[in-house]
Protein backbone atom coordinates (compact mmCIF):
# COMPACT_ATOMS: atom_id res chain seq x y z
CA MET A 1 18.74 25.97 -25.73
CA ALA A 2 19.44 28.52 -22.97
CA GLN A 3 23.15 29.58 -23.02
CA LEU A 4 25.18 28.19 -20.10
CA THR A 5 27.55 30.42 -18.00
CA ILE A 6 30.50 28.97 -16.33
CA THR A 7 32.78 31.39 -14.34
CA ARG A 8 36.47 31.06 -14.02
CA HIS A 9 37.61 33.17 -11.04
CA LYS A 10 41.11 34.72 -10.96
CA ALA A 11 41.73 34.88 -7.25
CA THR A 12 44.58 36.50 -5.26
CA ALA A 13 44.55 34.79 -1.86
CA GLN A 14 46.30 35.67 1.41
CA TYR A 15 47.90 32.70 2.82
CA PHE A 16 50.77 31.31 4.99
CA THR A 17 52.84 28.15 4.62
CA GLU A 18 53.25 25.75 7.44
CA ASP A 19 56.64 23.93 7.20
CA LEU A 20 55.99 20.35 7.77
CA GLY A 21 59.62 19.31 7.22
CA ASP A 22 61.47 17.35 4.53
CA GLY A 23 60.91 20.34 2.29
CA ILE A 24 57.23 19.90 2.37
CA GLY A 25 54.81 22.83 3.01
CA LEU A 26 51.11 23.19 3.81
CA ASP A 27 49.49 26.27 2.21
CA MET A 28 46.70 27.79 4.47
CA VAL A 29 44.55 30.37 2.82
CA LEU A 30 42.77 33.15 4.64
CA ILE A 31 38.97 32.80 4.32
CA PRO A 32 37.24 36.12 5.20
CA GLY A 33 34.47 35.87 7.57
CA GLY A 34 30.82 36.58 6.32
CA THR A 35 27.21 35.50 6.26
CA PHE A 36 25.68 33.04 3.90
CA LEU A 37 22.66 30.73 3.22
CA MET A 38 23.71 27.28 4.08
CA GLY A 39 22.01 24.46 2.28
CA SER A 40 20.16 24.29 -1.20
CA PRO A 41 16.91 26.05 -2.29
CA GLU A 42 13.99 23.66 -2.96
CA ASP A 43 14.19 24.19 -6.57
CA GLU A 44 17.76 23.21 -7.01
CA LEU A 45 18.20 20.45 -9.55
CA ASP A 46 18.96 17.08 -8.03
CA ARG A 47 18.93 18.21 -4.55
CA PHE A 48 18.49 15.83 -1.55
CA ASN A 49 16.06 16.56 1.24
CA ASP A 50 18.87 16.54 3.81
CA GLU A 51 20.23 19.90 2.30
CA GLY A 52 17.39 21.88 3.84
CA PRO A 53 15.92 23.94 5.13
CA GLN A 54 18.22 26.73 4.09
CA HIS A 55 19.33 28.85 7.01
CA GLN A 56 21.59 31.90 7.54
CA VAL A 57 25.00 31.32 9.07
CA THR A 58 27.59 33.83 10.04
CA VAL A 59 31.12 32.47 9.85
CA PRO A 60 34.25 34.05 11.37
CA THR A 61 37.45 34.51 9.56
CA PHE A 62 39.62 31.39 9.50
CA PHE A 63 42.39 29.75 7.44
CA MET A 64 41.65 26.65 5.41
CA GLY A 65 44.13 24.32 3.31
CA LYS A 66 44.44 25.43 -0.18
CA PHE A 67 44.26 21.88 -1.25
CA SER A 68 43.17 18.58 0.32
CA ILE A 69 45.88 17.00 2.30
CA THR A 70 48.40 15.30 -0.19
CA GLN A 71 50.06 12.07 0.22
CA ALA A 72 53.48 13.69 0.75
CA GLN A 73 52.02 15.74 3.53
CA TRP A 74 50.32 12.97 5.16
CA ARG A 75 53.42 10.84 5.02
CA VAL A 76 55.59 13.33 6.77
CA VAL A 77 53.28 13.76 9.59
CA ALA A 78 52.54 10.15 9.91
CA GLU A 79 56.26 9.06 9.98
CA THR A 80 57.92 11.91 11.87
CA TYR A 81 55.34 13.67 14.19
CA ALA A 82 54.79 12.17 17.68
CA GLN A 83 51.62 10.12 18.11
CA VAL A 84 48.77 11.59 19.97
CA ASN A 85 46.04 8.94 20.10
CA GLN A 86 46.67 6.38 17.44
CA GLU A 87 49.08 5.22 14.81
CA LEU A 88 48.86 6.17 11.24
CA ASP A 89 49.60 4.17 8.15
CA PRO A 90 52.20 6.40 6.27
CA ASP A 91 50.94 5.13 2.76
CA PRO A 92 47.32 4.34 2.73
CA ALA A 93 46.27 5.75 -0.68
CA SER A 94 45.04 3.48 -3.51
CA PHE A 95 46.11 6.04 -6.14
CA LYS A 96 49.73 6.68 -5.54
CA GLY A 97 51.48 10.10 -6.05
CA ASP A 98 52.99 12.74 -3.66
CA ASN A 99 50.84 15.39 -5.10
CA ARG A 100 47.54 13.49 -5.17
CA PRO A 101 45.24 13.61 -2.17
CA VAL A 102 45.60 11.13 0.54
CA GLU A 103 42.69 8.77 0.54
CA GLN A 104 41.62 5.64 2.49
CA VAL A 105 41.92 7.66 5.62
CA SER A 106 39.02 7.63 8.14
CA TRP A 107 37.78 10.48 10.22
CA GLN A 108 39.62 9.12 13.15
CA ASP A 109 42.91 9.15 11.02
CA ALA A 110 42.23 12.72 9.88
CA THR A 111 41.58 13.95 13.44
CA GLU A 112 44.86 12.24 14.57
CA PHE A 113 46.73 14.09 11.78
CA CYS A 114 45.21 17.31 13.07
CA ALA A 115 46.16 16.44 16.55
CA ARG A 116 49.77 15.84 15.57
CA LEU A 117 50.05 18.85 13.68
CA SER A 118 48.59 20.93 16.35
CA GLN A 119 50.89 19.47 19.09
CA ASP A 120 53.99 20.09 16.81
CA THR A 121 53.12 23.66 15.63
CA GLY A 122 51.27 25.18 18.66
CA ARG A 123 48.51 26.13 16.23
CA GLU A 124 45.06 24.45 16.64
CA TYR A 125 44.59 22.45 13.38
CA ARG A 126 41.25 20.57 13.03
CA LEU A 127 38.79 19.52 10.47
CA PRO A 128 36.27 22.16 9.20
CA SER A 129 32.84 22.36 10.41
CA GLU A 130 30.22 21.53 7.76
CA ALA A 131 29.23 25.30 7.74
CA GLU A 132 32.94 26.39 7.24
CA TRP A 133 33.30 23.90 4.44
CA GLU A 134 30.23 25.07 2.49
CA TYR A 135 30.96 28.62 3.20
CA ALA A 136 34.36 28.15 1.75
CA CYS A 137 33.33 26.13 -1.12
CA ARG A 138 30.69 28.73 -2.29
CA ALA A 139 33.14 31.70 -1.94
CA GLY A 140 30.20 34.08 -2.18
CA THR A 141 28.17 32.22 -4.81
CA THR A 142 24.55 30.83 -4.47
CA THR A 143 24.65 28.51 -7.49
CA PRO A 144 24.91 24.61 -7.42
CA PHE A 145 28.78 24.92 -8.08
CA HIS A 146 31.12 27.99 -7.43
CA PHE A 147 31.62 27.82 -11.16
CA GLY A 148 27.94 28.51 -11.79
CA GLU A 149 24.75 26.67 -12.62
CA THR A 150 26.56 23.69 -14.01
CA ILE A 151 30.09 21.81 -14.12
CA THR A 152 32.36 20.01 -16.64
CA THR A 153 35.15 17.68 -16.33
CA ASP A 154 37.46 20.43 -17.64
CA LEU A 155 36.73 22.07 -14.28
CA ALA A 156 36.81 19.13 -11.80
CA ASN A 157 37.29 15.44 -11.46
CA TYR A 158 34.08 13.48 -11.29
CA ARG A 159 32.29 10.74 -13.19
CA GLY A 160 31.29 12.77 -16.31
CA VAL A 161 29.70 9.67 -18.20
CA ASP A 162 26.44 7.95 -18.18
CA ASP A 163 25.73 4.51 -16.77
CA ASP A 164 22.51 3.49 -18.28
CA SER A 165 22.26 0.27 -16.16
CA MET A 166 22.07 2.43 -13.05
CA ASP A 167 20.21 5.40 -14.70
CA TRP A 168 23.15 7.57 -13.81
CA LYS A 169 23.73 10.83 -15.73
CA GLY A 170 27.20 12.13 -16.34
CA ASN A 171 26.07 15.66 -16.97
CA TYR A 172 24.29 18.26 -14.67
CA GLY A 173 21.27 19.83 -16.03
CA LYS A 174 22.02 21.29 -19.51
CA GLY A 175 25.77 20.94 -19.02
CA PRO A 176 27.80 18.66 -21.20
CA LYS A 177 28.92 15.11 -20.42
CA GLY A 178 32.66 14.61 -20.10
CA ILE A 179 35.10 11.94 -19.17
CA TYR A 180 35.43 9.45 -16.36
CA ARG A 181 39.15 9.34 -15.15
CA LYS A 182 38.47 6.50 -12.66
CA GLU A 183 41.19 7.86 -10.26
CA THR A 184 42.22 10.89 -8.34
CA THR A 185 44.03 13.73 -9.94
CA GLU A 186 46.93 15.81 -8.41
CA VAL A 187 45.72 18.54 -6.28
CA GLY A 188 45.38 21.86 -8.09
CA SER A 189 44.83 20.49 -11.53
CA PHE A 190 41.71 22.48 -12.02
CA PRO A 191 40.83 26.17 -11.50
CA PRO A 192 40.22 27.54 -7.89
CA ASN A 193 37.23 29.47 -6.50
CA ALA A 194 37.21 33.02 -5.59
CA PHE A 195 38.81 32.30 -2.29
CA GLY A 196 41.65 30.67 -3.81
CA LEU A 197 40.76 27.07 -2.91
CA TYR A 198 41.30 24.14 -5.27
CA ASP A 199 39.36 20.88 -5.64
CA MET A 200 36.16 21.95 -3.66
CA HIS A 201 34.17 19.95 -6.19
CA GLY A 202 35.17 16.35 -6.87
CA ASN A 203 38.48 14.42 -6.68
CA VAL A 204 37.85 13.29 -2.82
CA TRP A 205 35.14 13.74 -0.39
CA GLU A 206 36.41 15.65 2.61
CA TRP A 207 35.68 14.86 6.30
CA CYS A 208 34.11 17.48 8.43
CA GLN A 209 33.83 17.76 12.26
CA ASP A 210 30.01 17.47 12.55
CA HIS A 211 27.96 14.49 13.59
CA TRP A 212 25.49 13.63 10.93
CA HIS A 213 21.83 15.04 11.06
CA ASP A 214 19.21 14.04 8.61
CA ASN A 215 18.47 17.69 7.80
CA TYR A 216 18.85 21.09 9.06
CA ASP A 217 15.63 21.01 11.31
CA GLY A 218 16.49 21.19 14.91
CA ASN A 219 18.38 24.40 15.46
CA PRO A 220 21.70 24.00 13.99
CA PRO A 221 24.43 26.39 14.94
CA THR A 222 24.22 29.84 13.18
CA ASP A 223 27.99 30.83 14.16
CA GLY A 224 29.87 28.57 11.88
CA SER A 225 30.62 25.90 14.53
CA ALA A 226 30.21 22.11 14.13
CA TRP A 227 26.79 20.71 14.96
CA LEU A 228 27.51 18.00 17.56
CA PHE A 229 25.27 15.85 19.60
CA SER A 230 24.84 16.48 23.39
CA ASP A 231 26.80 14.36 25.85
CA GLU A 232 23.75 12.23 26.47
CA ARG A 233 23.54 11.26 22.77
CA LYS A 234 27.26 11.28 21.75
CA GLU A 235 28.02 7.77 22.85
CA LYS A 236 24.99 6.41 20.97
CA ASP A 237 25.22 8.55 17.82
CA ASP A 238 28.84 9.15 17.35
CA HIS A 239 28.83 6.52 14.59
CA THR A 240 28.29 9.01 11.74
CA ARG A 241 30.29 11.99 10.57
CA VAL A 242 29.73 14.39 7.69
CA LEU A 243 31.76 14.39 4.35
CA ARG A 244 31.59 17.06 1.68
CA GLY A 245 32.42 17.79 -1.91
CA GLY A 246 31.91 14.53 -3.99
CA SER A 247 34.75 12.62 -5.59
CA TRP A 248 36.37 11.18 -8.63
CA VAL A 249 33.75 8.19 -8.58
CA ASP A 250 30.68 10.36 -8.17
CA LEU A 251 28.06 11.92 -10.51
CA PRO A 252 28.00 15.67 -10.78
CA ARG A 253 24.99 16.11 -8.43
CA TYR A 254 27.03 14.83 -5.65
CA CYS A 255 29.65 17.51 -6.30
CA ARG A 256 27.42 20.44 -5.58
CA SER A 257 28.22 22.93 -2.93
CA ALA A 258 25.26 21.90 -0.63
CA CYS A 259 25.49 18.05 -1.12
CA ARG A 260 26.20 16.09 2.10
CA LEU A 261 27.29 12.50 2.71
CA TYR A 262 28.11 10.62 5.93
CA ASN A 263 30.02 7.64 7.22
CA ILE A 264 31.19 5.90 10.28
CA PRO A 265 34.34 7.40 11.76
CA ASP A 266 36.58 4.46 11.20
CA ALA A 267 35.43 3.91 7.46
CA ARG A 268 38.35 4.12 4.83
CA TYR A 269 37.49 4.51 1.18
CA ASN A 270 39.56 5.53 -1.82
CA SER A 271 37.09 8.40 -2.40
CA ASP A 272 37.56 10.08 1.10
CA GLY A 273 40.24 12.46 2.01
CA PHE A 274 40.06 15.75 3.93
CA ARG A 275 41.61 19.33 4.35
CA VAL A 276 42.42 21.22 7.40
CA VAL A 277 41.60 24.59 8.99
CA CYS A 278 42.87 26.75 11.90
CA SER A 279 41.44 29.83 13.44
CA ALA A 280 42.84 33.07 12.12
CA ALA A 281 43.63 34.28 15.70
CA ARG A 282 45.68 31.34 16.67
CA ALA A 283 47.44 31.19 13.21
CA LEU A 284 48.47 34.88 13.37
CA SER A 285 49.59 34.76 17.12
C-alpha cells in the first residue's frame, strides 16, 4: 500500500481584528495575491464535472475571516447593528454555542450581515467570490485538500463513516475512515492551512457571491471577481448561488478544495454558514 502524506502547516498569518462590540472581535487574515489553477484536474478522485475545465485565475490581495462567522458574532450584528435591507434572526442555529459557526442562514441573510458590518465600519465587507474562496482554501496547494491527497476526521469535521444503504464511503481514496460527529464543532478545532485559515474543509458549507454555473465553460472571470449573470439574465437566473467547503453531514469527497454546491438564495440549512472578506486597500485605509 502506498504511503499517505498529510501535511500540517504551521502558519504565521498577518491579520487585524474588527471590534464588533460586547467584547467580540472578528479576525481578518491577510491573503496574499497570486495566480492559481481553479477547479480540479480530470483525474482527481471523485471529482464532479462542474469542477472543470481548470483555468488560471489571478487573485488580488484581500482579507478573509480566520473562521466562519460564529454565533456570537452573528448575534451582536443581528441585535445591535442597524438594518439595511432585512431583519435578521439573532439565534438561527440548530447546534448552539457561541464559538460554533452560525448556520441556518441564507445567502440573503449573509449578505445582510455584510451590509450591516460595512455600514457600521466603513469597510466593505462581503461574501468571497468563488475564486477567492478556492484560492484561499488551497493556500498554494494543488491536491484535493490543503492537507494533501486525503483527509481524516482528526483534521476536519465531516461524515467519516460508511453508509452501505446509500453506497456512501466515509474515507477518501486510501485514507482512513473516521467518526461522524453529527453536529458542528467550535471554529478553530482543527489545524489551519498555510494562510492561517481554519475549517475550510467541512463543518459548514460557506456561501459565495457567485451565481451558479454548471461548469467553467463560458469565459469565467480570471481576475478573482465573482462570476455573475448579465442584467438580462439576472432576474431569471438569480435563484441559485454557490457554496463551498463541505460540512459536518457530508462525505469527504464534498469537502475537497474544488468541490462546488448551489442553492437558492433564501434557503436555510443547518449545514450552511459563511465567512466574510474585505479588500486589502479598504481595510488598511
